[in-house]
Every structure is written in structure tokens, then in C-alpha cells.
Amino acid sequence: MNPFEYINVALESVAQNKVRSLLTMLGVIIGVMSVILLVALGEGAQTFVETEFAGMGTNILMITPGKQETSGMMPIMAGSFRKLTYQNAKQVDRRARGVKAVSPVVLGAGRVRYGEHRRDTMIIGATPAFLDVRNLSIGHGRFITDQDIQKHRNVCVLGTTVKEEIFGEENAISKQVSINRRKHIVVGVMEPKGMMLGLNMDDLTIIPIVSGQQMFYAGEDALHQILVQANNPDEIEIAMEATREVLTEEHDYIEDFTITDQKSMMDTFGKIFLALKVMLAGIASISLLVGGIGIMNIMLVSVRERTREVGIRKAVGATRADVGFQFAIESITISAIGGVIGILMAFISAFAIRFFFPQFPVYCAAWAIATAFLFSLSVGVFFGAYPAYKAASVDPVEALRYE
């Protein structure tokens, strides 16, 4: 027989036992679907994190006090070191090469109060550069200006959640609020931003950097961190080295600070997601192996049921290779059909996830589809080999006597 005849016979055999064939394919279907879908979820999670990072600003360097020898994660501050200062940030902005903007940051928690309404929220002391560095925008009013900092004005910009909580539908601009018992005038309201890496960017209040230092550091020139934005992705390394040189000089040539770039953090997350995807794909592959055992089991049953048929085929001239190849093709056909159905199920599942969770980008990767399908075919070949050998080894005389 030619290959097309083998395939036709295999399809007829599958069609004659629809329920049994479907149950046999079930392990392959679940395995292929699981491999593709779990890899898609892993890649979707990685893309989601990358998008979240991009939403908080691009080409960013984060400088924190304290030296950390390892890279990729936020530093653990311990031991004695010199604090970062507003003057340090000004020097970096003035002297460092490849730097587009520098934003010193003071961070603390506090209560914003207006009349009987109050909101416990995050308080950020910042400069005008914070708006662009963190990829934020103003919805109403204005942001903090250099004049506000120079003249020590007690002004503030509210996140949308804070504004709605304490003002409701009332216009907040030019209203006086109390922030940690200090009077501030509202000059702006932020554009809604939503959650970013678990941080609600709408639930915050921004005040001038000097006001933040007075509020949280008793007027001492100290910072929580300095954010540096490079001109473009190609100049991140230049900006990092230039920033390191300036700050080391400012700190008496002692590098008692840590510079973390987004690429290092994303590389760390990338390694975690890669390990996660491999682990999930490995777990899902177990279903394919179980499906292969099911195929072997059903093919052995098929060999026994069709012993007389095998004897007749051999009696009319079929060779051992013909009989073995026929049963091998049937095994591969079952696994191939199961693989195709599994791929379709994975696409349907990915579409359903995107429909119900549009913010989570889940797409079936071509390499995952190809790998899962080839693996399913390999399962059909491997677990169909022994039943094919058994069928080819059937003695035609004994087979014709078989009832």
C-alpha cells in the first residue's frame, strides 16, 4: 500500500471506534493544550510585567543609599553609608553625560484631610522632573514647579483616588488641605494611571521635595532615592557610568550607593519566568506521556481484536513491514488528531482569557505550538512502536485460527 492508503485505513479504524478513539486521544489533547497554554500564560505574565515597568517610565536608573554587590533586585540597605541628597541629584543633573532628567524622591506615608474627610495615603516629595520620569500626566491644574521649591510653597498635587475620597465631585483646585497637620494648597490633580506593579499610582499625594524633607526628615537634606532617566536606551550604560562617577566624587570617592537599571531588573524577572515556563511545560508534558500510555494500551487491544484481520492480510501477501507500518500509522494518526484538537482548545482558552482579562496579554507562541505538536507525534511513534511490532510478529496460520 502507498502512504495515503495507510492513512485512509487508519482514519477508517478511528471512525469505526469514535468514543474509544476520543478517550484515547484525551491525554494527548489535554497535554498539548496544557503545554501551549501554560507557556502562553508564562509569556503573558512576562509581557505584563514589562509593560508595567514601561508604564512607570523608560530608560530609568534607580539610585538608592547603601552598597549592594549583587544586581537585578532592589538593594538591602544595611551598615553605615552617606545619605543621598538633593544636592547630589542637582550635581548628577548638571554634570552626568547621557542624562535626560533627574528626579530626587522623598517617600513617606501620611494623612490628607479636608474638613471631615480624610485619606491615609503615600506622600511623595518630588521635583518637576518626576512627572516625565515616571510617565505621569496632569488631569486638572498644574504640577509642582521650580518656583514652588525655591520659595518653599506648601502646595500639593493629588492622585485621583485621594481627590475623589476627600473632595468627591467638588473642584479641588486652590482648596486647602492638611497633610500630616501641615497646610497645603491643592494646585493639581493627576490623570488616572491605575495599578503599576502592585502600586496604586492614583492613591498618592505629591508635594515639593523640600516640603517632603521637612515633613519626613526634619528638614535634613536626605532622599529616599534618585531617579535618573537616560536620553535613550543606547545611552543607559553611559548615563549609569557618568552618574556613578559624579556621585562617587560627591561622596569622597566612596561608592556607598547602588544604581539599579530596569534592564537588570527585567533580566532577573526574565530568568524567573523562563524557569517558570520550563517547569510548567514539564508538568504539562506528563499529560502527553499519560496519553501515550493510553495509545499503547488501546493499540495492543486493537492488535488482539484484529488478529484474524492481520492473518488474512499476511495470507494475501502483506509483509511484516506492511502490517507493522499500518499499526504505527494508526498510532501516529490518533496522536496527530489529538494534537490538532489540543492546539484548537489552547487557542479557544487563550481567547477566553483575553476576553475576560483584556489587560493580561495571552497569545499562543508559534514555537510552543510546534514543540507540543511534534512532541505529540513523537509520543504516537514511541508508544505505537511496540503494538506495531506485536502486530507484525503475528503468525498468519495461528491468526487465521484465532476466534
Foldseek 3Di string as FASTA:
>chain_A
DDPVVLLVVLVVVCVVPVVLLCVLLVLLLQLLLQLLQLLLQLVLVLVLQVVLVVLQAPQKKKKAFFDDDDAQDDDDHDDDTDFDFPVLQVLLVVFAPQFDDKKFKAKDWWWKADVPFIDTFIEIAIAPCSCRRRVWAFDDFDAHYPCCQVVVAQAKEAFPVRCCRHPNPHDQAQDWIAIRNRIYGYGTYTDQDQDRPNDRPRGYMYTHNQVSCCVPVVRDRGTRIMMTHGPDPVCSVSSVVRSQVSVCVVRVNDRRMDMHTPVSNSVVVVVVSVVSSVVSSVVSCVSLLVSLLSLLVVLLVVLLVCLLVLLVCVVVPDALCNQLVSQLSSLLVSLLVSLVSSVVVSQVVQVVCCVVVVSRRRDRDPVSSVVSNVVSSVSSNVSSNVSSNVNSPRDSVVSNVRD
